[in-house]
Each structure stands twice: as C-alpha cells, then as structure tokens.
C-alpha atoms as a PDB file:
ATOM      1  CA  MET A   1       0.032  -0.180   0.055  1.00  0.00           C
ATOM      2  CA  ALA A   2       1.665   3.174  -1.170  1.00  0.00           C
ATOM      3  CA  LEU A   3       1.210   6.633   0.421  1.00  0.00           C
ATOM      4  CA  LYS A   4       2.246   9.637  -1.510  1.00  0.00           C
ATOM      5  CA  MET A   5       1.919  13.451  -1.244  1.00  0.00           C
ATOM      6  CA  ASN A   6       0.775  15.768  -3.980  1.00  0.00           C
ATOM      7  CA  LYS A   7       2.113  19.332  -4.231  1.00  0.00           C
ATOM      8  CA  GLU A   8      -0.644  20.644  -1.965  1.00  0.00           C
ATOM      9  CA  ASP A   9       0.343  18.357   0.802  1.00  0.00           C
ATOM     10  CA  THR A  10      -2.832  16.262   0.292  1.00  0.00           C
ATOM     11  CA  VAL A  11      -2.107  12.439   1.130  1.00  0.00           C
ATOM     12  CA  ILE A  12      -2.903  10.231  -1.897  1.00  0.00           C
ATOM     13  CA  GLN A  13      -3.361   6.640  -1.053  1.00  0.00           C
ATOM     14  CA  ASP A  14      -3.039   3.941  -3.540  1.00  0.00           C
ATOM     15  CA  ASN A  15      -4.804   0.541  -2.966  1.00  0.00           C
ATOM     16  CA  LYS A  16      -6.979   1.710  -0.100  1.00  0.00           C
ATOM     17  CA  PRO A  17      -8.457  -1.179   1.617  1.00  0.00           C
ATOM     18  CA  THR A  18     -12.197  -1.406   1.451  1.00  0.00           C
ATOM     19  CA  ARG A  19     -14.442  -0.837   4.574  1.00  0.00           C
ATOM     20  CA  GLU A  20     -15.160  -4.364   4.931  1.00  0.00           C
ATOM     21  CA  GLU A  21     -11.506  -4.985   4.849  1.00  0.00           C
ATOM     22  CA  ALA A  22     -10.862  -2.342   7.388  1.00  0.00           C
ATOM     23  CA  MET A  23     -13.693  -4.080   9.807  1.00  0.00           C
ATOM     24  CA  LYS A  24     -11.985  -7.428   9.452  1.00  0.00           C
ATOM     25  CA  ALA A  25      -8.830  -6.079  10.461  1.00  0.00           C
ATOM     26  CA  VAL A  26     -10.639  -4.623  13.560  1.00  0.00           C
ATOM     27  CA  GLU A  27     -12.045  -7.894  14.382  1.00  0.00           C
ATOM     28  CA  VAL A  28      -8.299  -9.410  14.208  1.00  0.00           C
ATOM     29  CA  LEU A  29      -7.148  -7.005  16.726  1.00  0.00           C
ATOM     30  CA  LEU A  30     -10.015  -7.779  18.905  1.00  0.00           C
ATOM     31  CA  ARG A  31      -9.322 -11.461  18.945  1.00  0.00           C
ATOM     32  CA  TRP A  32      -5.568 -10.479  19.378  1.00  0.00           C
ATOM     33  CA  ALA A  33      -6.537  -8.653  22.402  1.00  0.00           C
ATOM     34  CA  GLY A  34      -8.393 -11.701  23.839  1.00  0.00           C
ATOM     35  CA  GLU A  35     -11.908 -10.777  23.015  1.00  0.00           C
ATOM     36  CA  ASP A  36     -14.685 -12.485  20.949  1.00  0.00           C
ATOM     37  CA  PRO A  37     -15.885 -10.322  18.229  1.00  0.00           C
ATOM     38  CA  ARG A  38     -19.023 -12.356  18.257  1.00  0.00           C
ATOM     39  CA  ARG A  39     -19.911 -11.114  21.799  1.00  0.00           C
ATOM     40  CA  GLU A  40     -22.883  -9.063  21.799  1.00  0.00           C
ATOM     41  CA  GLY A  41     -21.514  -6.057  23.008  1.00  0.00           C
ATOM     42  CA  LEU A  42     -18.776  -6.169  20.241  1.00  0.00           C
ATOM     43  CA  LEU A  43     -21.004  -7.143  17.305  1.00  0.00           C
ATOM     44  CA  ASP A  44     -20.949  -3.661  15.767  1.00  0.00           C
ATOM     45  CA  THR A  45     -17.480  -2.499  17.165  1.00  0.00           C
ATOM     46  CA  PRO A  46     -15.618  -2.869  13.972  1.00  0.00           C
ATOM     47  CA  LYS A  47     -18.376  -0.852  12.186  1.00  0.00           C
ATOM     48  CA  ARG A  48     -18.110   1.854  14.840  1.00  0.00           C
ATOM     49  CA  VAL A  49     -14.258   1.862  14.828  1.00  0.00           C
ATOM     50  CA  VAL A  50     -14.028   2.295  10.985  1.00  0.00           C
ATOM     51  CA  LYS A  51     -16.432   5.121  11.182  1.00  0.00           C
ATOM     52  CA  ALA A  52     -14.559   6.769  14.080  1.00  0.00           C
ATOM     53  CA  TYR A  53     -11.237   6.415  11.961  1.00  0.00           C
ATOM     54  CA  GLU A  54     -12.992   8.381   9.062  1.00  0.00           C
ATOM     55  CA  GLU A  55     -13.506  11.115  11.456  1.00  0.00           C
ATOM     56  CA  PHE A  56     -10.074  10.967  13.351  1.00  0.00           C
ATOM     57  CA  PHE A  57      -8.177  10.964  10.208  1.00  0.00           C
ATOM     58  CA  SER A  58     -10.522  13.179   7.944  1.00  0.00           C
ATOM     59  CA  GLY A  59      -7.252  15.321   7.552  1.00  0.00           C
ATOM     60  CA  TYR A  60      -6.062  13.067   4.818  1.00  0.00           C
ATOM     61  CA  THR A  61      -8.818  13.889   2.582  1.00  0.00           C
ATOM     62  CA  LYS A  62      -8.533  17.687   2.819  1.00  0.00           C
ATOM     63  CA  ASP A  63      -6.024  20.373   1.483  1.00  0.00           C
ATOM     64  CA  ALA A  64      -4.923  22.892   4.005  1.00  0.00           C
ATOM     65  CA  ALA A  65      -3.433  25.297   1.712  1.00  0.00           C
ATOM     66  CA  ALA A  66      -6.890  25.441  -0.126  1.00  0.00           C
ATOM     67  CA  GLU A  67      -8.591  26.471   3.028  1.00  0.00           C
ATOM     68  CA  LEU A  68      -6.226  29.669   2.958  1.00  0.00           C
ATOM     69  CA  SER A  69      -6.800  30.485  -0.760  1.00  0.00           C
ATOM     70  CA  LYS A  70      -9.882  32.633  -0.012  1.00  0.00           C
ATOM     71  CA  THR A  71      -8.345  35.993   1.137  1.00  0.00           C
ATOM     72  CA  PHE A  72      -9.749  39.444   1.784  1.00  0.00           C
ATOM     73  CA  GLU A  73      -8.650  42.584  -0.263  1.00  0.00           C
ATOM     74  CA  ASP A  74     -10.565  45.030   1.594  1.00  0.00           C
ATOM     75  CA  ILE A  75      -8.619  45.284   4.715  1.00  0.00           C
ATOM     76  CA  GLU A  76      -6.300  48.134   4.480  1.00  0.00           C
ATOM     77  CA  GLY A  77      -3.641  49.782   6.889  1.00  0.00           C
ATOM     78  CA  PHE A  78      -3.467  46.967   9.321  1.00  0.00           C
ATOM     79  CA  ASP A  79       0.153  46.184  10.017  1.00  0.00           C
ATOM     80  CA  ASP A  80       0.264  44.100  13.233  1.00  0.00           C
ATOM     81  CA  MET A  81      -0.161  40.238  13.933  1.00  0.00           C
ATOM     82  CA  VAL A  82      -3.223  38.310  13.863  1.00  0.00           C
ATOM     83  CA  LEU A  83      -3.429  35.842  16.640  1.00  0.00           C
ATOM     84  CA  VAL A  84      -5.983  32.803  17.005  1.00  0.00           C
ATOM     85  CA  LYS A  85      -5.210  31.201  20.298  1.00  0.00           C
ATOM     86  CA  ASP A  86      -6.671  28.334  22.304  1.00  0.00           C
ATOM     87  CA  ILE A  87      -7.527  26.267  19.385  1.00  0.00           C
ATOM     88  CA  ASP A  88      -8.478  22.871  20.780  1.00  0.00           C
ATOM     89  CA  PHE A  89      -7.403  19.746  18.846  1.00  0.00           C
ATOM     90  CA  VAL A  90      -7.288  15.973  18.954  1.00  0.00           C
ATOM     91  CA  SER A  91      -4.791  14.190  16.967  1.00  0.00           C
ATOM     92  CA  HIS A  92      -3.339  10.677  17.120  1.00  0.00           C
ATOM     93  CA  CYS A  93       0.322   9.575  17.727  1.00  0.00           C
ATOM     94  CA  GLU A  94       1.784   8.099  14.653  1.00  0.00           C
ATOM     95  CA  HIS A  95       3.912   5.645  16.734  1.00  0.00           C
ATOM     96  CA  HIS A  96       1.109   4.210  19.023  1.00  0.00           C
ATOM     97  CA  LEU A  97      -2.276   5.344  17.456  1.00  0.00           C
ATOM     98  CA  VAL A  98      -3.444   6.775  20.732  1.00  0.00           C
ATOM     99  CA  PRO A  99      -4.861  10.455  21.349  1.00  0.00           C
ATOM    100  CA  ILE A 100      -2.985  13.671  21.466  1.00  0.00           C
ATOM    101  CA  LEU A 101      -5.004  16.239  23.224  1.00  0.00           C
ATOM    102  CA  GLY A 102      -3.704  19.877  22.921  1.00  0.00           C
ATOM    103  CA  LYS A 103      -4.208  23.411  22.095  1.00  0.00           C
ATOM    104  CA  ALA A 104      -2.611  25.551  19.344  1.00  0.00           C
ATOM    105  CA  HIS A 105      -1.787  29.140  19.095  1.00  0.00           C
ATOM    106  CA  VAL A 106      -1.226  30.496  15.651  1.00  0.00           C
ATOM    107  CA  ALA A 107      -0.416  33.934  14.643  1.00  0.00           C
ATOM    108  CA  TYR A 108       0.710  35.740  11.326  1.00  0.00           C
ATOM    109  CA  TRP A 109       1.612  39.239  10.372  1.00  0.00           C
ATOM    110  CA  PRO A 110      -0.064  39.964   6.925  1.00  0.00           C
ATOM    111  CA  ASP A 111       1.600  41.332   4.110  1.00  0.00           C
ATOM    112  CA  GLU A 112      -0.936  41.593   1.186  1.00  0.00           C
ATOM    113  CA  LYS A 113      -2.943  38.585   2.195  1.00  0.00           C
ATOM    114  CA  VAL A 114      -5.544  38.475   5.108  1.00  0.00           C
ATOM    115  CA  VAL A 115      -7.392  35.246   5.510  1.00  0.00           C
ATOM    116  CA  GLY A 116     -10.612  34.681   7.718  1.00  0.00           C
ATOM    117  CA  ILE A 117      -9.650  33.764  11.276  1.00  0.00           C
ATOM    118  CA  SER A 118     -11.530  30.541  11.164  1.00  0.00           C
ATOM    119  CA  LYS A 119      -9.181  29.165   8.407  1.00  0.00           C
ATOM    120  CA  LEU A 120      -6.449  29.180  10.968  1.00  0.00           C
ATOM    121  CA  ALA A 121      -8.403  26.920  13.125  1.00  0.00           C
ATOM    122  CA  ARG A 122      -9.202  24.707  10.252  1.00  0.00           C
ATOM    123  CA  ILE A 123      -5.753  24.184   9.135  1.00  0.00           C
ATOM    124  CA  VAL A 124      -4.863  23.033  12.882  1.00  0.00           C
ATOM    125  CA  ASP A 125      -7.602  20.374  12.461  1.00  0.00           C
ATOM    126  CA  ILE A 126      -6.544  19.333   9.007  1.00  0.00           C
ATOM    127  CA  TYR A 127      -2.988  18.588  10.233  1.00  0.00           C
ATOM    128  CA  GLY A 128      -4.193  17.280  13.488  1.00  0.00           C
ATOM    129  CA  ARG A 129      -6.611  14.826  12.132  1.00  0.00           C
ATOM    130  CA  ARG A 130      -3.918  12.781  10.645  1.00  0.00           C
ATOM    131  CA  LEU A 131      -1.180  10.462  12.279  1.00  0.00           C
ATOM    132  CA  VAL A 132       1.404  12.984  13.454  1.00  0.00           C
ATOM    133  CA  SER A 133       4.325  13.754  15.577  1.00  0.00           C
ATOM    134  CA  GLN A 134       3.800  16.955  17.408  1.00  0.00           C
ATOM    135  CA  GLU A 135       6.922  18.575  15.724  1.00  0.00           C
ATOM    136  CA  ASN A 136       5.840  17.723  12.357  1.00  0.00           C
ATOM    137  CA  MET A 137       2.536  19.048  13.025  1.00  0.00           C
ATOM    138  CA  THR A 138       3.868  22.474  14.396  1.00  0.00           C
ATOM    139  CA  ARG A 139       6.099  22.684  11.138  1.00  0.00           C
ATOM    140  CA  ASN A 140       3.537  21.895   8.643  1.00  0.00           C
ATOM    141  CA  ILE A 141       1.141  24.360  10.134  1.00  0.00           C
ATOM    142  CA  LEU A 142       3.870  27.036   9.816  1.00  0.00           C
ATOM    143  CA  GLN A 143       4.815  26.266   6.314  1.00  0.00           C
ATOM    144  CA  CYS A 144       1.452  26.112   5.064  1.00  0.00           C
ATOM    145  CA  ILE A 145       0.716  29.630   6.294  1.00  0.00           C
ATOM    146  CA  ASP A 146       4.185  30.915   4.901  1.00  0.00           C
ATOM    147  CA  ASN A 147       3.888  29.246   1.688  1.00  0.00           C
ATOM    148  CA  THR A 148       0.185  30.307   0.955  1.00  0.00           C
ATOM    149  CA  LEU A 149      -0.412  33.649   2.445  1.00  0.00           C
ATOM    150  CA  LYS A 150       3.270  34.948   2.138  1.00  0.00           C
ATOM    151  CA  PRO A 151       3.116  36.903   5.421  1.00  0.00           C
ATOM    152  CA  LYS A 152       5.868  38.903   7.226  1.00  0.00           C
ATOM    153  CA  GLY A 153       6.025  36.156   9.514  1.00  0.00           C
ATOM    154  CA  THR A 154       4.349  33.194  11.253  1.00  0.00           C
ATOM    155  CA  ALA A 155       4.260  31.862  14.878  1.00  0.00           C
ATOM    156  CA  VAL A 156       2.925  28.429  16.040  1.00  0.00           C
ATOM    157  CA  PHE A 157       2.865  27.227  19.362  1.00  0.00           C
ATOM    158  CA  ILE A 158       1.316  23.997  20.492  1.00  0.00           C
ATOM    159  CA  ASP A 159       1.045  22.387  24.058  1.00  0.00           C
ATOM    160  CA  ALA A 160      -0.438  18.855  24.182  1.00  0.00           C
ATOM    161  CA  ASN A 161      -0.919  15.731  26.119  1.00  0.00           C
ATOM    162  CA  HIS A 162       0.309  12.592  24.693  1.00  0.00           C
ATOM    163  CA  GLN A 163      -1.540   9.748  25.889  1.00  0.00           C
ATOM    164  CA  CYS A 164       1.152   7.277  24.631  1.00  0.00           C
ATOM    165  CA  MET A 165       2.991   8.913  27.452  1.00  0.00           C
ATOM    166  CA  SER A 166       0.415   9.578  29.974  1.00  0.00           C
ATOM    167  CA  THR A 167      -1.631   6.437  29.846  1.00  0.00           C
ATOM    168  CA  ARG A 168       1.348   3.741  28.954  1.00  0.00           C
ATOM    169  CA  GLY A 169       4.853   3.563  29.085  1.00  0.00           C
ATOM    170  CA  VAL A 170       6.204   5.982  31.770  1.00  0.00           C
ATOM    171  CA  ASN A 171       2.606   6.927  32.722  1.00  0.00           C
ATOM    172  CA  LYS A 172       3.195  10.526  33.401  1.00  0.00           C
ATOM    173  CA  GLY A 173      -0.459  11.834  33.213  1.00  0.00           C
ATOM    174  CA  CYS A 174       0.239  15.433  33.931  1.00  0.00           C
ATOM    175  CA  SER A 175       2.957  15.934  31.597  1.00  0.00           C
ATOM    176  CA  SER A 176       2.596  18.091  28.555  1.00  0.00           C
ATOM    177  CA  THR A 177       4.788  18.724  25.484  1.00  0.00           C
ATOM    178  CA  VAL A 178       5.409  22.206  24.067  1.00  0.00           C
ATOM    179  CA  THR A 179       6.689  22.967  20.360  1.00  0.00           C
ATOM    180  CA  THR A 180       7.111  26.287  18.862  1.00  0.00           C
ATOM    181  CA  MET A 181       8.162  27.226  15.319  1.00  0.00           C
ATOM    182  CA  PHE A 182       8.836  30.970  14.021  1.00  0.00           C
ATOM    183  CA  SER A 183       9.582  32.519  11.017  1.00  0.00           C
ATOM    184  CA  GLY A 184       9.959  36.084   9.425  1.00  0.00           C
ATOM    185  CA  VAL A 185       9.568  38.932  11.965  1.00  0.00           C
ATOM    186  CA  PHE A 186       8.513  36.424  14.778  1.00  0.00           C
ATOM    187  CA  LYS A 187      11.821  34.957  14.487  1.00  0.00           C
ATOM    188  CA  GLU A 188      13.951  37.956  13.485  1.00  0.00           C
ATOM    189  CA  ASP A 189      12.221  40.315  16.002  1.00  0.00           C
ATOM    190  CA  MET A 190      12.534  39.256  19.794  1.00  0.00           C
ATOM    191  CA  HIS A 191      10.062  42.043  20.900  1.00  0.00           C
ATOM    192  CA  VAL A 192       7.455  40.678  18.471  1.00  0.00           C
ATOM    193  CA  GLN A 193       8.028  37.039  19.522  1.00  0.00           C
ATOM    194  CA  ARG A 194       7.840  38.158  23.150  1.00  0.00           C
ATOM    195  CA  ARG A 195       4.579  40.006  22.495  1.00  0.00           C
ATOM    196  CA  PHE A 196       3.247  36.651  21.003  1.00  0.00           C
ATOM    197  CA  LEU A 197       4.307  34.669  23.901  1.00  0.00           C
ATOM    198  CA  ASP A 198       2.975  37.316  26.256  1.00  0.00           C
ATOM    199  CA  MET A 199      -0.495  37.415  24.621  1.00  0.00           C
ATOM    200  CA  ILE A 200      -1.031  33.566  24.457  1.00  0.00           C
ATOM    201  CA  SER A 201      -0.398  33.473  28.202  1.00  0.00           C
ATOM    202  CA  HIS A 202      -2.684  36.049  29.066  1.00  0.00           C
ATOM    203  CA  LYS A 203      -5.924  34.496  30.172  1.00  0.00           C
ATOM    204  CA  ARG A 204      -9.458  36.131  29.483  1.00  0.00           C
END
C-alpha cells in the first residue's frame, strides 16, 4: 500500500482497503486482545471503529493550502499580528495510534493577504486529524501559512498531552509537550516574539 503527497500536501493513498477489509482488521485486533468479536457488545464495534477512523483521520482527505486560498482584499492599513489562540485539537500519535489532546496558538503578520480567522483553526484540524508527531504538525502548520499567504512572519505554539506517555509507558499523566516554530518577524524580532508569547499566556 503506497502513500504519497501531492504538491498541496494532500495525502494520496494507492490501493486503499475497502471498508469491509478495515472492519475485518478490527476483528483481528479484538481477537488478538483476547476478545470474542461475536460477543453481543462487540458485534458492531468494527463498524463503529471504522466510522470513528473516518472522523479521526479526515485530514487526509483535505487540502490545508486550499483553506487559505480565499483572502480578503478590503482590509487596509493593518500592520500587526493576527493571533488565534486556544485552538483545541485532537490528534493521534503516529507511533502508538493513541490520542494527543492539545491547544494550538497560531499567529501571522499579514503582508498583502488576509485570511478569515476560522481558516487558521481549520488548518490546525486538518494537520491534527492525521497520524502525527507534534514537531511535524507544528512545522506543517507554519509552512502552510508561509507558503500560501506569504506573510511577514508566522508563529505556531502547540501544548499537548500525549496519551502514549500519560496512559502507557512512563505513565506521566500530568505531563505536557510544548513545541514552537517561528518565521519572519516572529523569528527575527525578539520584541515581536515576546509579544506573541505574552499574548497567548494572558487569560481572558
């Protein structure tokens, strides 16, 4: 089964299994765990799991760059950062297939293109609803904004709980992982970067 990326960073999967094949795979995992898929409480579990996977991993069917393609031309004289903070997301660890629960804070400093603020939340969801590492998710969000909007700079800050660490392995339930990435004015101007960090730490 081959996975490849097109130029818009949308995943294209060759020879995708059928829904029935996916449901059979869930049955195999249930049996491997020691369960009986024929038990009454599990009869519809394969169907439910496959349906849940469609939602969990819907980011593979969406193009993040396309979400940023509709921009506003009627905003003039604004020369400062645009910040959307506390963007809740649910993702899944690519190493263990368990949830990652977190918040993303995303800012950009427009040059000529201004995008609707909901679009910043949408691209967090698109990259989050794939199997990810937090580091790659952070980078992908920033690069998508930089490449599509061509802003003066972009900042991404993600704080998340990885259940592969909190519910298994070292079992550190209160731990969180923070990743950041900056470009343009957010990377070059420490005053601008500090403003961003201060703004996301300020509670309403």
